[in-house]
Amino acid sequence: MAHEFITQVVGLPIAYVTIFKGSDVVPKDLESKAIWNSLGVLDVREQGMEDVFWGPTGNGGPCGPTTEIYCNTSEGKDVEVWNIVFNEFLCSSSARRSAWWSSSARSVAAPRRGHGHGF
């Protein structure tokens, strides 16, 4: 949906995308990488938890890795135009993100997907 809208409806070429590179407890997002590659996007950049991991907001809630889509402006600057969030985890702690994995994060029974875009 995002790829089709950006490239076919709006007519923008995708400069690159980002995926989650993985951590000690959350695996690398190989599925998103394979999907982007199958769509012809070969510049897939891996980033860490501080860059492409969403949430939780407040003291807890859904959270998970994201994949972000970047396009170039007419001035040649990279701009994030869309992100897709994979809410695969639920955190019930107000601890810092790096600390709560061992005690409060758990996989959700029915993972959800969200997205955002800013045109």
C-alpha atoms as a PDB file:
ATOM      1  CA  MET A   1       0.000   0.000   0.000  1.00  0.00           C
ATOM      2  CA  ALA A   2       2.650   2.561   1.005  1.00  0.00           C
ATOM      3  CA  HIS A   3       4.970   1.649  -1.869  1.00  0.00           C
ATOM      4  CA  GLU A   4       2.146   1.773  -4.410  1.00  0.00           C
ATOM      5  CA  PHE A   5       0.823   5.095  -3.122  1.00  0.00           C
ATOM      6  CA  ILE A   6       4.226   6.795  -3.030  1.00  0.00           C
ATOM      7  CA  THR A   7       5.558   5.499  -6.340  1.00  0.00           C
ATOM      8  CA  GLN A   8       2.412   5.204  -8.466  1.00  0.00           C
ATOM      9  CA  VAL A   9      -0.157   7.651  -7.082  1.00  0.00           C
ATOM     10  CA  VAL A  10       2.165  10.446  -5.972  1.00  0.00           C
ATOM     11  CA  GLY A  11       4.923   9.568  -8.430  1.00  0.00           C
ATOM     12  CA  LEU A  12       7.883   9.889  -6.066  1.00  0.00           C
ATOM     13  CA  PRO A  13      10.879   7.607  -6.306  1.00  0.00           C
ATOM     14  CA  ILE A  14      11.869   6.002  -3.018  1.00  0.00           C
ATOM     15  CA  ALA A  15      15.441   6.953  -2.108  1.00  0.00           C
ATOM     16  CA  TYR A  16      15.844   4.302   0.591  1.00  0.00           C
ATOM     17  CA  VAL A  17      14.078   2.549   3.435  1.00  0.00           C
ATOM     18  CA  THR A  18      15.127   1.615   6.951  1.00  0.00           C
ATOM     19  CA  ILE A  19      14.562  -1.579   8.895  1.00  0.00           C
ATOM     20  CA  PHE A  20      15.275  -2.671  12.457  1.00  0.00           C
ATOM     21  CA  LYS A  21      18.747  -4.221  12.702  1.00  0.00           C
ATOM     22  CA  GLY A  22      17.826  -6.368  15.682  1.00  0.00           C
ATOM     23  CA  SER A  23      18.901  -6.431  19.318  1.00  0.00           C
ATOM     24  CA  ASP A  24      19.631  -8.971  22.012  1.00  0.00           C
ATOM     25  CA  VAL A  25      15.937  -9.838  22.328  1.00  0.00           C
ATOM     26  CA  VAL A  26      14.202  -8.539  19.186  1.00  0.00           C
ATOM     27  CA  PRO A  27      15.312 -10.163  15.934  1.00  0.00           C
ATOM     28  CA  LYS A  28      16.406  -8.330  12.800  1.00  0.00           C
ATOM     29  CA  ASP A  29      13.493  -7.465  10.510  1.00  0.00           C
ATOM     30  CA  LEU A  30      14.381  -9.777   7.636  1.00  0.00           C
ATOM     31  CA  GLU A  31      10.760  -9.948   6.460  1.00  0.00           C
ATOM     32  CA  SER A  32      10.584  -6.216   5.707  1.00  0.00           C
ATOM     33  CA  LYS A  33      13.961  -6.350   3.984  1.00  0.00           C
ATOM     34  CA  ALA A  34      12.776  -9.186   1.732  1.00  0.00           C
ATOM     35  CA  ILE A  35       9.540  -7.354   0.900  1.00  0.00           C
ATOM     36  CA  TRP A  36      11.351  -4.099   0.041  1.00  0.00           C
ATOM     37  CA  ASN A  37      13.825  -6.003  -2.129  1.00  0.00           C
ATOM     38  CA  SER A  38      10.963  -7.775  -3.932  1.00  0.00           C
ATOM     39  CA  LEU A  39       9.463  -4.344  -4.693  1.00  0.00           C
ATOM     40  CA  GLY A  40      12.733  -3.195  -6.241  1.00  0.00           C
ATOM     41  CA  VAL A  41      13.962  -1.124  -3.281  1.00  0.00           C
ATOM     42  CA  LEU A  42      17.571  -2.216  -2.875  1.00  0.00           C
ATOM     43  CA  ASP A  43      18.850   0.523  -0.552  1.00  0.00           C
ATOM     44  CA  VAL A  44      17.655  -0.946   2.747  1.00  0.00           C
ATOM     45  CA  ARG A  45      19.440   0.589   5.727  1.00  0.00           C
ATOM     46  CA  GLU A  46      19.576  -1.119   9.115  1.00  0.00           C
ATOM     47  CA  GLN A  47      19.114   1.016  12.221  1.00  0.00           C
ATOM     48  CA  GLY A  48      18.818   0.357  15.930  1.00  0.00           C
ATOM     49  CA  MET A  49      16.281   0.688  18.693  1.00  0.00           C
ATOM     50  CA  GLU A  50      16.735   4.444  19.088  1.00  0.00           C
ATOM     51  CA  ASP A  51      15.922   5.058  15.421  1.00  0.00           C
ATOM     52  CA  VAL A  52      13.412   2.493  14.178  1.00  0.00           C
ATOM     53  CA  PHE A  53      11.641   1.092  17.216  1.00  0.00           C
ATOM     54  CA  TRP A  54       8.375   2.759  18.177  1.00  0.00           C
ATOM     55  CA  GLY A  55       6.938   3.146  21.657  1.00  0.00           C
ATOM     56  CA  PRO A  56       5.766   2.509  24.114  1.00  0.00           C
ATOM     57  CA  THR A  57       4.157   5.846  24.777  1.00  0.00           C
ATOM     58  CA  GLY A  58       3.762   6.884  28.369  1.00  0.00           C
ATOM     59  CA  ASN A  59       4.240   4.216  31.031  1.00  0.00           C
ATOM     60  CA  GLY A  60       3.600   1.258  28.791  1.00  0.00           C
ATOM     61  CA  GLY A  61       1.656  -0.108  25.884  1.00  0.00           C
ATOM     62  CA  PRO A  62       2.218  -1.504  22.401  1.00  0.00           C
ATOM     63  CA  CYS A  63       5.620  -1.151  20.795  1.00  0.00           C
ATOM     64  CA  GLY A  64       7.779  -2.690  18.114  1.00  0.00           C
ATOM     65  CA  PRO A  65      10.122  -2.242  15.184  1.00  0.00           C
ATOM     66  CA  THR A  66       9.336   0.064  12.284  1.00  0.00           C
ATOM     67  CA  THR A  67      10.325   0.420   8.669  1.00  0.00           C
ATOM     68  CA  GLU A  68      10.604   3.951   7.319  1.00  0.00           C
ATOM     69  CA  ILE A  69      10.430   5.247   3.751  1.00  0.00           C
ATOM     70  CA  TYR A  70      12.596   8.156   2.606  1.00  0.00           C
ATOM     71  CA  CYS A  71      12.368  10.276  -0.523  1.00  0.00           C
ATOM     72  CA  ASN A  72      14.617  13.105  -1.717  1.00  0.00           C
ATOM     73  CA  THR A  73      13.486  16.721  -1.866  1.00  0.00           C
ATOM     74  CA  SER A  74      14.257  18.913  -4.859  1.00  0.00           C
ATOM     75  CA  GLU A  75      17.188  20.228  -2.787  1.00  0.00           C
ATOM     76  CA  GLY A  76      18.529  16.694  -2.410  1.00  0.00           C
ATOM     77  CA  LYS A  77      17.643  16.254   1.265  1.00  0.00           C
ATOM     78  CA  ASP A  78      16.326  12.958   2.601  1.00  0.00           C
ATOM     79  CA  VAL A  79      12.833  13.207   4.077  1.00  0.00           C
ATOM     80  CA  GLU A  80      10.932  10.464   5.852  1.00  0.00           C
ATOM     81  CA  VAL A  81       7.526  10.352   4.139  1.00  0.00           C
ATOM     82  CA  TRP A  82       6.027   7.185   5.608  1.00  0.00           C
ATOM     83  CA  ASN A  83       6.564   4.690   8.398  1.00  0.00           C
ATOM     84  CA  ILE A  84       5.066   1.330   9.150  1.00  0.00           C
ATOM     85  CA  VAL A  85       4.984   0.228  12.789  1.00  0.00           C
ATOM     86  CA  PHE A  86       4.892  -3.435  13.770  1.00  0.00           C
ATOM     87  CA  ASN A  87       3.292  -3.463  17.221  1.00  0.00           C
ATOM     88  CA  GLU A  88       4.495  -6.918  18.153  1.00  0.00           C
ATOM     89  CA  PHE A  89       5.215  -6.299  21.821  1.00  0.00           C
ATOM     90  CA  LEU A  90       3.428  -4.964  24.886  1.00  0.00           C
ATOM     91  CA  CYS A  91       5.353  -3.263  27.638  1.00  0.00           C
ATOM     92  CA  SER A  92       3.826  -2.734  31.069  1.00  0.00           C
ATOM     93  CA  SER A  93       6.690  -0.873  32.697  1.00  0.00           C
ATOM     94  CA  SER A  94       7.777   2.724  32.956  1.00  0.00           C
ATOM     95  CA  ALA A  95      11.418   1.640  32.942  1.00  0.00           C
ATOM     96  CA  ARG A  96      13.714   2.907  30.235  1.00  0.00           C
ATOM     97  CA  ARG A  97      13.358   0.991  26.982  1.00  0.00           C
ATOM     98  CA  SER A  98      16.765  -0.635  27.347  1.00  0.00           C
ATOM     99  CA  ALA A  99      15.867  -1.959  30.802  1.00  0.00           C
ATOM    100  CA  TRP A 100      12.314  -3.231  30.429  1.00  0.00           C
ATOM    101  CA  TRP A 101      12.944  -6.077  27.994  1.00  0.00           C
ATOM    102  CA  SER A 102      14.110  -8.474  30.635  1.00  0.00           C
ATOM    103  CA  SER A 103      11.156  -7.928  32.954  1.00  0.00           C
ATOM    104  CA  SER A 104       8.060  -6.530  31.300  1.00  0.00           C
ATOM    105  CA  ALA A 105       7.982  -6.821  27.522  1.00  0.00           C
ATOM    106  CA  ARG A 106       6.070  -9.691  26.015  1.00  0.00           C
ATOM    107  CA  SER A 107       4.874 -10.626  22.574  1.00  0.00           C
ATOM    108  CA  VAL A 108       1.260  -9.791  21.856  1.00  0.00           C
ATOM    109  CA  ALA A 109      -1.154 -12.547  20.857  1.00  0.00           C
ATOM    110  CA  ALA A 110      -2.357 -10.708  17.749  1.00  0.00           C
ATOM    111  CA  PRO A 111       0.341  -8.360  16.385  1.00  0.00           C
ATOM    112  CA  ARG A 112      -0.966  -5.123  14.866  1.00  0.00           C
ATOM    113  CA  ARG A 113       0.355  -2.865  12.143  1.00  0.00           C
ATOM    114  CA  GLY A 114       0.149   0.892  12.072  1.00  0.00           C
ATOM    115  CA  HIS A 115       1.414   3.532   9.711  1.00  0.00           C
ATOM    116  CA  GLY A 116       2.007   7.207   9.476  1.00  0.00           C
ATOM    117  CA  HIS A 117       2.804   9.575   6.686  1.00  0.00           C
ATOM    118  CA  GLY A 118       3.471  13.243   6.414  1.00  0.00           C
ATOM    119  CA  PHE A 119       2.953  14.875   3.086  1.00  0.00           C
END
